[in-house]
Protein backbone atom coordinates (compact mmCIF):
# COMPACT_ATOMS: atom_id res chain seq x y z
CA MET A 1 -0.09 -0.14 0.14
CA LEU A 2 2.96 2.44 0.63
CA LEU A 3 4.21 1.80 -3.09
CA PHE A 4 0.36 2.58 -4.32
CA SER A 5 0.38 5.59 -2.33
CA PHE A 6 3.70 6.63 -3.63
CA LEU A 7 2.66 5.95 -7.16
CA VAL A 8 -0.46 8.01 -6.55
CA GLY A 9 1.57 10.84 -5.19
CA LEU A 10 3.85 10.59 -8.37
CA LEU A 11 0.87 10.58 -10.99
CA ALA A 12 -0.74 13.44 -8.92
CA GLY A 13 2.39 15.50 -8.66
CA SER A 14 2.84 14.96 -12.43
CA LEU A 15 -0.41 16.14 -13.41
CA TYR A 16 -0.32 19.01 -11.07
CA PHE A 17 3.10 20.38 -11.96
CA GLY A 18 2.61 19.23 -15.79
CA GLY A 19 -0.70 21.26 -16.11
CA LEU A 20 1.03 24.20 -14.48
CA TRP A 21 3.73 24.07 -17.12
CA TYR A 22 1.04 23.76 -19.77
CA THR A 23 -0.93 26.61 -18.51
CA VAL A 24 2.08 28.83 -18.50
CA ARG A 25 2.73 28.19 -21.91
CA GLN A 26 -0.43 28.82 -23.10
CA LEU A 27 -0.55 32.33 -21.41
CA SER A 28 0.75 34.18 -24.32
CA THR A 29 -2.02 32.60 -26.96
CA THR A 30 -5.06 33.10 -24.75
CA SER A 31 -7.09 36.37 -24.87
CA ARG A 32 -8.27 35.42 -21.23
CA PRO A 33 -4.70 34.87 -19.39
CA ALA A 34 -6.65 35.53 -15.77
CA LEU A 35 -9.40 33.10 -16.35
CA LEU A 36 -6.89 30.48 -17.79
CA LEU A 37 -4.75 30.68 -14.61
CA LEU A 38 -7.95 30.54 -12.24
CA GLY A 39 -9.39 27.84 -13.98
CA SER A 40 -6.31 25.60 -14.17
CA PHE A 41 -5.37 26.06 -10.56
CA LEU A 42 -8.86 25.18 -9.57
CA LEU A 43 -8.73 21.99 -11.73
CA ARG A 44 -5.17 21.21 -10.66
CA LEU A 45 -5.72 21.74 -7.04
CA SER A 46 -9.16 19.89 -6.88
CA LEU A 47 -7.34 16.72 -8.35
CA LEU A 48 -4.40 16.90 -5.82
CA LEU A 49 -6.34 17.56 -3.03
CA GLY A 50 -8.88 14.80 -3.97
CA ALA A 51 -6.19 12.22 -4.51
CA LEU A 52 -4.61 13.16 -1.07
CA TYR A 53 -7.87 13.06 0.64
CA LEU A 54 -8.57 9.39 -0.41
CA LEU A 55 -5.17 8.55 0.97
CA THR A 56 -5.74 10.27 4.38
CA SER A 57 -8.42 7.90 5.33
CA ALA A 58 -6.38 4.95 5.72
CA HIS A 59 -3.28 6.15 7.58
CA TRP A 60 -0.89 8.84 7.90
CA SER A 61 2.02 6.83 6.39
CA TYR A 62 0.18 6.64 3.05
CA LEU A 63 -0.11 10.52 3.01
CA LEU A 64 3.80 10.80 3.61
CA SER A 65 4.15 8.44 1.21
CA ALA A 66 2.26 10.22 -1.45
CA LEU A 67 4.00 13.40 -0.57
CA VAL A 68 7.48 12.14 -1.19
CA GLY A 69 5.99 10.84 -4.61
CA LEU A 70 4.77 14.56 -5.30
CA LEU A 71 7.95 16.02 -4.43
CA LEU A 72 9.72 13.63 -6.59
CA ALA A 73 7.42 14.38 -9.52
CA ARG A 74 8.32 18.18 -8.95
CA THR A 75 11.68 17.51 -8.85
CA LEU A 76 11.91 15.31 -12.23
CA LEU A 77 9.72 17.86 -13.91
CA ILE A 78 12.28 20.83 -12.79
CA ARG A 79 15.05 18.97 -14.18
CA ARG A 80 13.35 18.14 -17.45
CA TRP A 81 11.65 21.50 -18.24
CA GLY A 82 13.55 23.67 -16.25
CA PRO A 83 16.20 26.46 -17.59
CA LYS A 84 19.33 25.06 -19.40
CA GLY A 85 22.86 25.70 -18.60
CA VAL A 86 21.69 27.22 -15.29
CA THR A 87 24.06 26.03 -12.14
CA ARG A 88 22.31 25.80 -8.86
CA ASP A 89 24.65 26.40 -6.18
CA ALA A 90 23.25 25.28 -2.70
């Protein structure tokens, strides 16, 4: 079940941050950017919160596993779509 929760988090994170990336790329082509941003945010947030809510009813460790998957998805998508040639000093 922990692996399933991790995969749910990974999928939810990919949908959330992939949707954000797609929305930002579409802003220059739309006639109503504010409506696009608001609609995209509400849709992405409702999907993410719905997935996390289903996991919280079982046990807190499943939620933690899903959050790790969500953060991994964020990290992977930043590396894939982030700026090229920029060094990040920590």
